[in-house]
Amino acid sequence: GKYRKEKMRYFSLVLICALVGLSAAATHWQLTDHEIRDNHAVSFKLGLKPQNIETLDSLFWQISDPKSPLFGKFLSNDQIADLISLPEESIQKVESYLTQD
């Protein structure tokens, strides 16, 4: 009923926030006035926005709807990763940009 639908909407929202929001979170930033040498290594993580989030959301609702032909046909972790992963070309562009002098 209504409770189940609201619960499913909440789950969908949490899933999308987890996929998108975590990649945008920056933590433990510190401002410093120390000079950084050219050969100093800096470690960081970079999150790129996944693609096809709207498609994932649509599939979620179809898989959850008893009236849908996709009802109960859950996706594997690999299928979800394939759906939302960026094309290799996009990743290579980012890597190229980050490693240029």
Protein backbone atom coordinates (compact mmCIF):
# COMPACT_ATOMS: atom_id res chain seq x y z
CA GLY A 1 0.00 0.00 0.00
CA LYS A 2 0.96 3.59 0.59
CA TYR A 3 3.47 2.69 3.31
CA ARG A 4 5.30 0.24 1.03
CA LYS A 5 5.44 2.76 -1.82
CA GLU A 6 6.86 5.44 0.50
CA LYS A 7 9.37 2.95 1.87
CA MET A 8 10.46 2.06 -1.69
CA ARG A 9 10.77 5.74 -2.61
CA TYR A 10 12.93 6.25 0.47
CA PHE A 11 15.12 3.28 -0.49
CA SER A 12 15.49 4.64 -4.03
CA LEU A 13 16.46 8.05 -2.69
CA VAL A 14 18.99 6.53 -0.30
CA LEU A 15 20.49 4.43 -3.10
CA ILE A 16 20.84 7.41 -5.43
CA CYS A 17 22.27 9.59 -2.66
CA ALA A 18 24.78 6.89 -1.81
CA LEU A 19 25.89 6.61 -5.43
CA VAL A 20 26.00 10.31 -6.21
CA GLY A 21 26.48 12.01 -2.87
CA LEU A 22 29.44 10.02 -1.68
CA SER A 23 31.44 10.90 -4.76
CA ALA A 24 30.97 14.60 -4.05
CA ALA A 25 31.92 14.56 -0.36
CA ALA A 26 35.20 16.23 0.51
CA THR A 27 36.49 15.65 4.02
CA HIS A 28 39.54 16.57 6.05
CA TRP A 29 40.55 19.61 4.01
CA GLN A 30 43.13 21.83 5.68
CA LEU A 31 44.34 25.27 4.72
CA THR A 32 48.08 25.61 5.12
CA ASP A 33 50.62 28.35 4.54
CA HIS A 34 53.46 25.86 4.16
CA GLU A 35 55.30 25.93 0.87
CA ILE A 36 54.82 22.76 -1.15
CA ARG A 37 57.80 21.55 -3.16
CA ASP A 38 57.36 20.58 -6.81
CA ASN A 39 58.30 16.98 -6.07
CA HIS A 40 55.91 16.62 -3.14
CA ALA A 41 53.37 13.85 -3.70
CA VAL A 42 49.75 14.65 -2.93
CA SER A 43 47.24 11.85 -2.42
CA PHE A 44 43.55 12.39 -2.99
CA LYS A 45 40.44 10.60 -4.16
CA LEU A 46 38.35 11.93 -6.98
CA GLY A 47 34.77 10.88 -7.47
CA LEU A 48 33.15 11.16 -10.86
CA LYS A 49 29.39 11.41 -11.21
CA PRO A 50 27.96 8.07 -12.36
CA GLN A 51 25.95 7.97 -15.57
CA ASN A 52 22.41 6.66 -16.17
CA ILE A 53 21.09 7.36 -12.67
CA GLU A 54 17.64 8.08 -14.16
CA THR A 55 17.70 4.69 -15.92
CA LEU A 56 18.72 2.98 -12.67
CA ASP A 57 15.86 4.68 -10.85
CA SER A 58 13.40 3.63 -13.56
CA LEU A 59 14.63 0.04 -13.43
CA PHE A 60 14.31 0.05 -9.65
CA TRP A 61 10.63 0.98 -9.89
CA GLN A 62 9.92 -1.52 -12.68
CA ILE A 63 11.62 -4.34 -10.77
CA SER A 64 9.63 -3.38 -7.66
CA ASP A 65 6.24 -3.12 -9.39
CA PRO A 66 4.23 -6.39 -9.40
CA LYS A 67 2.45 -5.21 -12.57
CA SER A 68 5.72 -4.80 -14.49
CA PRO A 69 7.18 -7.53 -16.73
CA LEU A 70 10.52 -6.81 -15.00
CA PHE A 71 9.08 -7.47 -11.53
CA GLY A 72 11.53 -9.45 -9.40
CA LYS A 73 14.20 -9.56 -12.13
CA PHE A 74 16.91 -8.08 -9.98
CA LEU A 75 20.17 -6.80 -11.43
CA SER A 76 23.50 -8.19 -10.30
CA ASN A 77 26.17 -5.90 -8.89
CA ASP A 78 28.06 -6.24 -12.19
CA GLN A 79 24.98 -5.23 -14.21
CA ILE A 80 24.49 -2.14 -12.05
CA ALA A 81 28.18 -1.26 -12.32
CA ASP A 82 28.02 -1.63 -16.11
CA LEU A 83 24.95 0.61 -16.22
CA ILE A 84 26.32 3.48 -14.13
CA SER A 85 30.05 3.29 -14.93
CA LEU A 86 31.60 5.98 -17.06
CA PRO A 87 33.02 5.08 -20.46
CA GLU A 88 36.76 4.33 -20.40
CA GLU A 89 37.32 7.34 -22.68
CA SER A 90 35.90 9.69 -20.02
CA ILE A 91 38.13 8.22 -17.33
CA GLN A 92 41.17 8.52 -19.59
CA LYS A 93 40.39 12.20 -20.23
CA VAL A 94 40.29 12.90 -16.51
CA GLU A 95 43.51 10.96 -15.92
CA SER A 96 45.20 12.80 -18.78
CA TYR A 97 44.12 16.17 -17.39
CA LEU A 98 45.36 15.32 -13.90
CA THR A 99 48.76 14.08 -15.09
CA GLN A 100 49.58 16.91 -17.51
CA ASP A 101 52.43 19.26 -16.63
